[in-house]
C-alpha atoms as a PDB file:
ATOM      1  CA  MET A   1       0.000   0.000   0.000  1.00  0.00           C
ATOM      2  CA  PHE A   2       1.326   3.438  -0.964  1.00  0.00           C
ATOM      3  CA  ASP A   3       1.451   5.629   2.148  1.00  0.00           C
ATOM      4  CA  PRO A   4       2.493   9.225   1.393  1.00  0.00           C
ATOM      5  CA  LYS A   5       3.544  11.495   4.200  1.00  0.00           C
ATOM      6  CA  MET A   6       3.839  15.174   4.934  1.00  0.00           C
ATOM      7  CA  VAL A   7       6.737  16.779   6.750  1.00  0.00           C
ATOM      8  CA  ILE A   8       6.186  20.141   8.367  1.00  0.00           C
ATOM      9  CA  VAL A   9       9.297  22.217   8.962  1.00  0.00           C
ATOM     10  CA  VAL A  10       9.190  25.036  11.512  1.00  0.00           C
ATOM     11  CA  ARG A  11      11.769  27.684  12.364  1.00  0.00           C
ATOM     12  CA  LYS A  12      13.217  27.087  15.805  1.00  0.00           C
ATOM     13  CA  ASP A  13      15.202  30.349  15.801  1.00  0.00           C
ATOM     14  CA  LEU A  14      12.043  32.457  16.096  1.00  0.00           C
ATOM     15  CA  GLY A  15      11.231  31.252  19.617  1.00  0.00           C
ATOM     16  CA  MET A  16       7.518  31.028  18.792  1.00  0.00           C
ATOM     17  CA  ARG A  17       5.141  30.286  21.631  1.00  0.00           C
ATOM     18  CA  LYS A  18       3.843  26.697  21.501  1.00  0.00           C
ATOM     19  CA  GLY A  19       0.407  27.818  20.351  1.00  0.00           C
ATOM     20  CA  LYS A  20       1.857  30.006  17.606  1.00  0.00           C
ATOM     21  CA  LEU A  21       4.115  27.175  16.434  1.00  0.00           C
ATOM     22  CA  ALA A  22       1.132  24.803  16.336  1.00  0.00           C
ATOM     23  CA  ALA A  23      -0.930  27.318  14.367  1.00  0.00           C
ATOM     24  CA  GLN A  24       1.853  27.871  11.834  1.00  0.00           C
ATOM     25  CA  ALA A  25       2.299  24.112  11.362  1.00  0.00           C
ATOM     26  CA  ALA A  26      -1.467  23.759  10.871  1.00  0.00           C
ATOM     27  CA  HIS A  27      -1.478  26.565   8.291  1.00  0.00           C
ATOM     28  CA  ALA A  28       1.303  24.828   6.362  1.00  0.00           C
ATOM     29  CA  ALA A  29      -0.462  21.450   6.378  1.00  0.00           C
ATOM     30  CA  GLN A  30      -3.816  22.896   5.372  1.00  0.00           C
ATOM     31  CA  GLU A  31      -2.456  25.044   2.578  1.00  0.00           C
ATOM     32  CA  ALA A  32      -0.381  22.186   1.174  1.00  0.00           C
ATOM     33  CA  ILE A  33      -3.550  20.278   0.314  1.00  0.00           C
ATOM     34  CA  LEU A  34      -5.803  23.170  -0.738  1.00  0.00           C
ATOM     35  CA  ASP A  35      -5.921  24.957  -4.072  1.00  0.00           C
ATOM     36  CA  ARG A  36      -7.157  28.475  -3.409  1.00  0.00           C
ATOM     37  CA  SER A  37      -6.622  29.795  -6.928  1.00  0.00           C
ATOM     38  CA  ALA A  38     -10.318  29.333  -7.665  1.00  0.00           C
ATOM     39  CA  GLU A  39     -13.167  31.279  -6.080  1.00  0.00           C
ATOM     40  CA  THR A  40     -13.946  28.300  -3.841  1.00  0.00           C
ATOM     41  CA  PRO A  41     -11.003  26.467  -2.234  1.00  0.00           C
ATOM     42  CA  ARG A  42     -10.759  22.807  -3.225  1.00  0.00           C
ATOM     43  CA  LEU A  43      -8.301  19.942  -2.908  1.00  0.00           C
ATOM     44  CA  LYS A  44      -5.269  20.173  -5.133  1.00  0.00           C
ATOM     45  CA  ASP A  45      -5.401  17.688  -7.986  1.00  0.00           C
ATOM     46  CA  SER A  46      -2.875  15.131  -6.778  1.00  0.00           C
ATOM     47  CA  ALA A  47      -2.900  11.355  -6.443  1.00  0.00           C
ATOM     48  CA  ASP A  48      -0.485  11.710  -3.498  1.00  0.00           C
ATOM     49  CA  ILE A  49      -2.907  13.990  -1.656  1.00  0.00           C
ATOM     50  CA  LEU A  50      -5.835  11.650  -2.270  1.00  0.00           C
ATOM     51  CA  ALA A  51      -3.793   8.654  -1.109  1.00  0.00           C
ATOM     52  CA  TRP A  52      -2.686  10.591   1.984  1.00  0.00           C
ATOM     53  CA  LEU A  53      -6.273  11.504   2.836  1.00  0.00           C
ATOM     54  CA  ALA A  54      -7.403   7.906   2.286  1.00  0.00           C
ATOM     55  CA  ASN A  55      -4.782   6.581   4.708  1.00  0.00           C
ATOM     56  CA  ASN A  56      -3.598   7.907   8.049  1.00  0.00           C
ATOM     57  CA  TYR A  57      -2.643  11.551   7.286  1.00  0.00           C
ATOM     58  CA  ARG A  58       0.930  10.869   8.397  1.00  0.00           C
ATOM     59  CA  LYS A  59       2.659  14.105   9.435  1.00  0.00           C
ATOM     60  CA  ILE A  60       6.098  14.628  10.944  1.00  0.00           C
ATOM     61  CA  VAL A  61       7.209  17.961  12.437  1.00  0.00           C
ATOM     62  CA  VAL A  62      10.883  18.911  12.269  1.00  0.00           C
ATOM     63  CA  SER A  63      12.843  22.123  12.647  1.00  0.00           C
ATOM     64  CA  VAL A  64      15.448  24.344  11.052  1.00  0.00           C
ATOM     65  CA  ASN A  65      17.432  27.124  12.707  1.00  0.00           C
ATOM     66  CA  SER A  66      17.074  29.955  10.211  1.00  0.00           C
ATOM     67  CA  GLU A  67      15.075  31.533   7.425  1.00  0.00           C
ATOM     68  CA  ALA A  68      17.899  30.687   5.022  1.00  0.00           C
ATOM     69  CA  GLU A  69      17.566  26.970   5.828  1.00  0.00           C
ATOM     70  CA  LEU A  70      13.789  27.132   5.354  1.00  0.00           C
ATOM     71  CA  LEU A  71      14.088  28.926   2.014  1.00  0.00           C
ATOM     72  CA  ASP A  72      16.735  26.453   0.852  1.00  0.00           C
ATOM     73  CA  LEU A  73      14.214  23.652   1.488  1.00  0.00           C
ATOM     74  CA  VAL A  74      11.638  25.561  -0.577  1.00  0.00           C
ATOM     75  CA  ARG A  75      14.112  25.810  -3.447  1.00  0.00           C
ATOM     76  CA  ARG A  76      14.962  22.121  -3.215  1.00  0.00           C
ATOM     77  CA  ALA A  77      11.238  21.173  -3.091  1.00  0.00           C
ATOM     78  CA  GLU A  78      10.626  23.225  -6.229  1.00  0.00           C
ATOM     79  CA  GLU A  79      13.575  21.578  -7.985  1.00  0.00           C
ATOM     80  CA  ALA A  80      12.296  18.124  -6.984  1.00  0.00           C
ATOM     81  CA  GLY A  81       8.770  18.967  -8.097  1.00  0.00           C
ATOM     82  CA  ILE A  82       7.364  18.107  -4.675  1.00  0.00           C
ATOM     83  CA  ASN A  83       4.136  19.623  -3.431  1.00  0.00           C
ATOM     84  CA  HIS A  84       4.855  22.221  -0.728  1.00  0.00           C
ATOM     85  CA  HIS A  85       3.574  25.351   0.954  1.00  0.00           C
ATOM     86  CA  LEU A  86       5.617  28.098   2.643  1.00  0.00           C
ATOM     87  CA  VAL A  87       3.861  30.048   5.404  1.00  0.00           C
ATOM     88  CA  LYS A  88       4.474  33.767   5.765  1.00  0.00           C
ATOM     89  CA  ASP A  89       3.051  35.085   9.024  1.00  0.00           C
ATOM     90  CA  LEU A  90       1.686  38.630   8.883  1.00  0.00           C
ATOM     91  CA  GLY A  91       3.222  39.586  12.228  1.00  0.00           C
ATOM     92  CA  LYS A  92      -0.017  40.645  13.899  1.00  0.00           C
ATOM     93  CA  THR A  93       0.490  38.654  17.132  1.00  0.00           C
ATOM     94  CA  GLU A  94       4.256  38.076  17.136  1.00  0.00           C
ATOM     95  CA  PHE A  95       7.247  39.402  15.204  1.00  0.00           C
ATOM     96  CA  ASN A  96       6.391  43.083  15.846  1.00  0.00           C
ATOM     97  CA  GLY A  97       4.372  43.557  12.678  1.00  0.00           C
ATOM     98  CA  VAL A  98       7.092  42.141  10.437  1.00  0.00           C
ATOM     99  CA  GLU A  99       6.012  39.535   7.893  1.00  0.00           C
ATOM    100  CA  THR A 100       8.043  36.420   8.676  1.00  0.00           C
ATOM    101  CA  TYR A 101       8.481  32.996   7.074  1.00  0.00           C
ATOM    102  CA  THR A 102       7.632  30.531   9.829  1.00  0.00           C
ATOM    103  CA  ALA A 103       6.856  27.066   8.453  1.00  0.00           C
ATOM    104  CA  LEU A 104       6.910  24.858   5.396  1.00  0.00           C
ATOM    105  CA  ALA A 105       4.885  21.782   4.502  1.00  0.00           C
ATOM    106  CA  LEU A 106       6.557  19.238   2.222  1.00  0.00           C
ATOM    107  CA  GLY A 107       4.151  16.811   0.556  1.00  0.00           C
ATOM    108  CA  PRO A 108       2.110  14.830   1.007  1.00  0.00           C
ATOM    109  CA  ALA A 109       4.342  12.792  -1.254  1.00  0.00           C
ATOM    110  CA  ASP A 110       6.300   9.590  -1.524  1.00  0.00           C
ATOM    111  CA  PRO A 111       8.206   9.200   1.776  1.00  0.00           C
ATOM    112  CA  THR A 112      11.526   8.616   0.027  1.00  0.00           C
ATOM    113  CA  VAL A 113      11.190  11.918  -1.834  1.00  0.00           C
ATOM    114  CA  VAL A 114      10.164  13.852   1.280  1.00  0.00           C
ATOM    115  CA  ASP A 115      12.914  12.216   3.330  1.00  0.00           C
ATOM    116  CA  SER A 116      15.530  13.182   0.742  1.00  0.00           C
ATOM    117  CA  LEU A 117      14.786  16.808   1.662  1.00  0.00           C
ATOM    118  CA  SER A 118      14.044  16.569   5.364  1.00  0.00           C
ATOM    119  CA  GLY A 119      15.343  13.244   6.684  1.00  0.00           C
ATOM    120  CA  SER A 120      18.319  14.777   8.486  1.00  0.00           C
ATOM    121  CA  LEU A 121      16.311  17.475  10.302  1.00  0.00           C
ATOM    122  CA  PRO A 122      15.616  17.109  14.043  1.00  0.00           C
ATOM    123  CA  LEU A 123      12.138  16.368  15.348  1.00  0.00           C
ATOM    124  CA  ILE A 124      10.413  19.095  17.350  1.00  0.00           C
END
């Protein structure tokens, strides 16, 4: 059975409160499976997403220590053609009004592909 997974990467260097970190991870996961280019949001057209939803919604949360590391993962995800979503917080509750990249969802996709990007990152 094919069992795609999603890895959510959060920035540890920001010192986000636990609730803020959880919200940013949730934003990343949600946006990675939604297509909001249409008037009404719908699931992205992906066999990996459908397989993920049909199974156990496997998610792993890991961390990086800087914006540069997070953006490097975005670049590598784009090069690999892997589904992803980068979260930019608007800074209304933390970060003193400064828009800040906080989290990234990789996948859902084949675990070997996701792990090639994130397998060496530490769990939260």
